Amino acid sequence: MPIIGSLTRWGGDYDSLKRACLLKDPLQEFVAAAIRNERGIRSEYNLEWARLDELTLDDWDELQAIMEILEPFKAWSPRIQGKLSNGSLYDIFLAMDDSLSSLENARTQYNLDTHSLHLTTSIDTVWVTLNKYVQSA
């Protein structure tokens, strides 16, 4: 079953994307069946929405990239929440440094030459915000 992401935690989005990538073929077939009208879509309005849900190979590549970018944040979340340690400042500073480094690598790897403006802008926005916190710490 697909997992719905979370509005407040990146780990939920990571889990959702990871599951979607595992279910890529069934998800694509589900949408394709809806477009072929095998799922009882009766109106042009609903058919158009089904077509909008169809993901291209580039879409799947971008979802994979987003999942890879979120992976370090997912890995650090339990540690700084005190589930794997006591959630001390030491852990938080390490997480911030590691996350900033991961974002710097992502800025290099996912650039406008190979990826969408949306993805590169998102990486830059998160980097600027996290860097502000690291500089003030």
C-alpha atoms as a PDB file:
ATOM      1  CA  MET A   1       0.000   0.000   0.000  1.00  0.00           C
ATOM      2  CA  PRO A   2       1.192   3.553  -0.655  1.00  0.00           C
ATOM      3  CA  ILE A   3       2.212   5.695   2.304  1.00  0.00           C
ATOM      4  CA  ILE A   4       0.957   9.259   2.576  1.00  0.00           C
ATOM      5  CA  GLY A   5       3.644  11.823   3.389  1.00  0.00           C
ATOM      6  CA  SER A   6       3.504  14.207   6.302  1.00  0.00           C
ATOM      7  CA  LEU A   7       3.073  17.970   6.346  1.00  0.00           C
ATOM      8  CA  THR A   8       5.357  18.338   9.363  1.00  0.00           C
ATOM      9  CA  ARG A   9       8.057  15.675   9.033  1.00  0.00           C
ATOM     10  CA  TRP A  10      10.415  15.047   6.150  1.00  0.00           C
ATOM     11  CA  GLY A  11      10.806  11.455   7.277  1.00  0.00           C
ATOM     12  CA  GLY A  12       7.192  10.808   6.316  1.00  0.00           C
ATOM     13  CA  ASP A  13       7.807  12.180   2.846  1.00  0.00           C
ATOM     14  CA  TYR A  14      10.930  10.045   2.554  1.00  0.00           C
ATOM     15  CA  ASP A  15       8.942   6.952   3.563  1.00  0.00           C
ATOM     16  CA  SER A  16       6.201   7.857   1.085  1.00  0.00           C
ATOM     17  CA  LEU A  17       8.675   8.285  -1.784  1.00  0.00           C
ATOM     18  CA  LYS A  18      10.535   5.109  -0.906  1.00  0.00           C
ATOM     19  CA  ARG A  19       7.287   3.131  -0.964  1.00  0.00           C
ATOM     20  CA  ALA A  20       6.195   4.797  -4.226  1.00  0.00           C
ATOM     21  CA  CYS A  21       9.482   3.815  -5.872  1.00  0.00           C
ATOM     22  CA  LEU A  22       8.981   0.233  -4.696  1.00  0.00           C
ATOM     23  CA  LEU A  23       5.438   0.290  -6.105  1.00  0.00           C
ATOM     24  CA  LYS A  24       6.333   2.144  -9.299  1.00  0.00           C
ATOM     25  CA  ASP A  25       5.088  -0.532 -11.712  1.00  0.00           C
ATOM     26  CA  PRO A  26       1.741  -1.163  -9.961  1.00  0.00           C
ATOM     27  CA  LEU A  27       1.160   2.582  -9.564  1.00  0.00           C
ATOM     28  CA  GLN A  28       1.856   3.194 -13.239  1.00  0.00           C
ATOM     29  CA  GLU A  29      -0.472   0.355 -14.215  1.00  0.00           C
ATOM     30  CA  PHE A  30      -3.210   1.694 -11.916  1.00  0.00           C
ATOM     31  CA  VAL A  31      -3.092   5.123 -13.566  1.00  0.00           C
ATOM     32  CA  ALA A  32      -2.819   3.603 -17.043  1.00  0.00           C
ATOM     33  CA  ALA A  33      -5.884   1.436 -16.327  1.00  0.00           C
ATOM     34  CA  ALA A  34      -7.788   4.529 -15.191  1.00  0.00           C
ATOM     35  CA  ILE A  35      -6.848   6.306 -18.403  1.00  0.00           C
ATOM     36  CA  ARG A  36      -7.956   3.265 -20.418  1.00  0.00           C
ATOM     37  CA  ASN A  37     -11.236   3.577 -18.502  1.00  0.00           C
ATOM     38  CA  GLU A  38     -10.881   0.224 -16.749  1.00  0.00           C
ATOM     39  CA  ARG A  39     -11.598   1.752 -13.356  1.00  0.00           C
ATOM     40  CA  GLY A  40     -15.006   3.185 -14.170  1.00  0.00           C
ATOM     41  CA  ILE A  41     -14.009   6.753 -14.983  1.00  0.00           C
ATOM     42  CA  ARG A  42     -17.109   8.065 -16.670  1.00  0.00           C
ATOM     43  CA  SER A  43     -16.517  11.740 -17.331  1.00  0.00           C
ATOM     44  CA  GLU A  44     -13.946  13.661 -19.353  1.00  0.00           C
ATOM     45  CA  TYR A  45     -13.224  15.659 -16.188  1.00  0.00           C
ATOM     46  CA  ASN A  46     -12.179  12.536 -14.264  1.00  0.00           C
ATOM     47  CA  LEU A  47     -10.284  11.185 -17.254  1.00  0.00           C
ATOM     48  CA  GLU A  48      -8.284  14.418 -17.459  1.00  0.00           C
ATOM     49  CA  TRP A  49      -7.406  14.128 -13.762  1.00  0.00           C
ATOM     50  CA  ALA A  50      -6.223  10.570 -14.337  1.00  0.00           C
ATOM     51  CA  ARG A  51      -4.023  11.781 -17.190  1.00  0.00           C
ATOM     52  CA  LEU A  52      -2.559  14.464 -14.913  1.00  0.00           C
ATOM     53  CA  ASP A  53      -1.661  11.754 -12.388  1.00  0.00           C
ATOM     54  CA  GLU A  54       0.412   9.870 -14.939  1.00  0.00           C
ATOM     55  CA  LEU A  55       4.122  10.256 -14.176  1.00  0.00           C
ATOM     56  CA  THR A  56       6.805  10.416 -16.836  1.00  0.00           C
ATOM     57  CA  LEU A  57      10.241   8.840 -16.503  1.00  0.00           C
ATOM     58  CA  ASP A  58      11.579  12.317 -15.683  1.00  0.00           C
ATOM     59  CA  ASP A  59       8.980  12.613 -12.911  1.00  0.00           C
ATOM     60  CA  TRP A  60      10.100   9.285 -11.435  1.00  0.00           C
ATOM     61  CA  ASP A  61      13.751  10.388 -11.673  1.00  0.00           C
ATOM     62  CA  GLU A  62      12.921  13.575  -9.804  1.00  0.00           C
ATOM     63  CA  LEU A  63      11.039  11.659  -7.107  1.00  0.00           C
ATOM     64  CA  GLN A  64      14.087   9.405  -6.738  1.00  0.00           C
ATOM     65  CA  ALA A  65      16.296  12.500  -6.413  1.00  0.00           C
ATOM     66  CA  ILE A  66      14.016  13.997  -3.758  1.00  0.00           C
ATOM     67  CA  MET A  67      14.092  10.723  -1.837  1.00  0.00           C
ATOM     68  CA  GLU A  68      17.907  10.691  -1.939  1.00  0.00           C
ATOM     69  CA  ILE A  69      18.036  14.303  -0.745  1.00  0.00           C
ATOM     70  CA  LEU A  70      15.676  13.556   2.154  1.00  0.00           C
ATOM     71  CA  GLU A  71      17.484  10.383   3.239  1.00  0.00           C
ATOM     72  CA  PRO A  72      20.039  12.096   5.548  1.00  0.00           C
ATOM     73  CA  PHE A  73      17.237  14.053   7.226  1.00  0.00           C
ATOM     74  CA  LYS A  74      15.321  10.818   7.775  1.00  0.00           C
ATOM     75  CA  ALA A  75      18.428   9.173   9.237  1.00  0.00           C
ATOM     76  CA  TRP A  76      19.049  12.017  11.699  1.00  0.00           C
ATOM     77  CA  SER A  77      15.451  12.470  12.853  1.00  0.00           C
ATOM     78  CA  PRO A  78      15.297   9.625  15.406  1.00  0.00           C
ATOM     79  CA  ARG A  79      18.677  10.591  16.810  1.00  0.00           C
ATOM     80  CA  ILE A  80      17.861  14.227  17.466  1.00  0.00           C
ATOM     81  CA  GLN A  81      14.386  13.364  18.732  1.00  0.00           C
ATOM     82  CA  GLY A  82      15.994  11.415  21.542  1.00  0.00           C
ATOM     83  CA  LYS A  83      14.950   7.987  20.284  1.00  0.00           C
ATOM     84  CA  LEU A  84      18.488   6.727  19.671  1.00  0.00           C
ATOM     85  CA  SER A  85      20.250   8.998  22.166  1.00  0.00           C
ATOM     86  CA  ASN A  86      19.367  11.704  24.638  1.00  0.00           C
ATOM     87  CA  GLY A  87      18.814  14.353  21.930  1.00  0.00           C
ATOM     88  CA  SER A  88      21.666  16.532  23.180  1.00  0.00           C
ATOM     89  CA  LEU A  89      22.981  19.674  21.497  1.00  0.00           C
ATOM     90  CA  TYR A  90      25.998  17.645  20.435  1.00  0.00           C
ATOM     91  CA  ASP A  91      23.716  15.455  18.313  1.00  0.00           C
ATOM     92  CA  ILE A  92      21.837  18.447  16.940  1.00  0.00           C
ATOM     93  CA  PHE A  93      25.029  20.237  15.879  1.00  0.00           C
ATOM     94  CA  LEU A  94      26.302  17.081  14.209  1.00  0.00           C
ATOM     95  CA  ALA A  95      22.980  16.681  12.437  1.00  0.00           C
ATOM     96  CA  MET A  96      23.028  20.282  11.251  1.00  0.00           C
ATOM     97  CA  ASP A  97      26.588  19.999   9.951  1.00  0.00           C
ATOM     98  CA  ASP A  98      25.920  16.680   8.235  1.00  0.00           C
ATOM     99  CA  SER A  99      22.650  17.930   6.744  1.00  0.00           C
ATOM    100  CA  LEU A 100      24.296  21.102   5.458  1.00  0.00           C
ATOM    101  CA  SER A 101      27.046  19.026   3.891  1.00  0.00           C
ATOM    102  CA  SER A 102      24.456  16.734   2.286  1.00  0.00           C
ATOM    103  CA  LEU A 103      22.631  19.737   0.873  1.00  0.00           C
ATOM    104  CA  GLU A 104      25.877  21.164  -0.509  1.00  0.00           C
ATOM    105  CA  ASN A 105      26.499  17.860  -2.271  1.00  0.00           C
ATOM    106  CA  ALA A 106      22.912  17.886  -3.556  1.00  0.00           C
ATOM    107  CA  ARG A 107      23.383  21.426  -4.903  1.00  0.00           C
ATOM    108  CA  THR A 108      26.288  20.125  -6.959  1.00  0.00           C
ATOM    109  CA  GLN A 109      24.660  16.867  -8.021  1.00  0.00           C
ATOM    110  CA  TYR A 110      21.183  18.205  -8.831  1.00  0.00           C
ATOM    111  CA  ASN A 111      21.806  21.330 -10.874  1.00  0.00           C
ATOM    112  CA  LEU A 112      19.735  23.125 -13.491  1.00  0.00           C
ATOM    113  CA  ASP A 113      21.585  21.340 -16.272  1.00  0.00           C
ATOM    114  CA  THR A 114      20.098  18.012 -15.255  1.00  0.00           C
ATOM    115  CA  HIS A 115      17.080  18.737 -13.038  1.00  0.00           C
ATOM    116  CA  SER A 116      14.065  20.996 -12.724  1.00  0.00           C
ATOM    117  CA  LEU A 117      14.038  24.544 -11.452  1.00  0.00           C
ATOM    118  CA  HIS A 118      11.653  23.415  -8.714  1.00  0.00           C
ATOM    119  CA  LEU A 119      14.134  20.861  -7.352  1.00  0.00           C
ATOM    120  CA  THR A 120      17.171  23.135  -7.506  1.00  0.00           C
ATOM    121  CA  THR A 121      15.252  26.038  -5.939  1.00  0.00           C
ATOM    122  CA  SER A 122      14.016  23.773  -3.138  1.00  0.00           C
ATOM    123  CA  ILE A 123      17.533  22.567  -2.376  1.00  0.00           C
ATOM    124  CA  ASP A 124      18.819  26.154  -2.335  1.00  0.00           C
ATOM    125  CA  THR A 125      15.989  27.314  -0.069  1.00  0.00           C
ATOM    126  CA  VAL A 126      16.609  24.569   2.473  1.00  0.00           C
ATOM    127  CA  TRP A 127      20.377  25.182   2.299  1.00  0.00           C
ATOM    128  CA  VAL A 128      19.957  28.926   2.965  1.00  0.00           C
ATOM    129  CA  THR A 129      17.632  28.284   5.902  1.00  0.00           C
ATOM    130  CA  LEU A 130      19.802  25.593   7.476  1.00  0.00           C
ATOM    131  CA  ASN A 131      22.969  27.619   6.894  1.00  0.00           C
ATOM    132  CA  LYS A 132      21.374  30.543   8.739  1.00  0.00           C
ATOM    133  CA  TYR A 133      20.840  28.290  11.774  1.00  0.00           C
ATOM    134  CA  VAL A 134      24.338  26.826  11.562  1.00  0.00           C
ATOM    135  CA  GLN A 135      25.908  30.304  11.384  1.00  0.00           C
ATOM    136  CA  SER A 136      23.927  31.514  14.413  1.00  0.00           C
ATOM    137  CA  ALA A 137      24.690  28.409  16.513  1.00  0.00           C
END
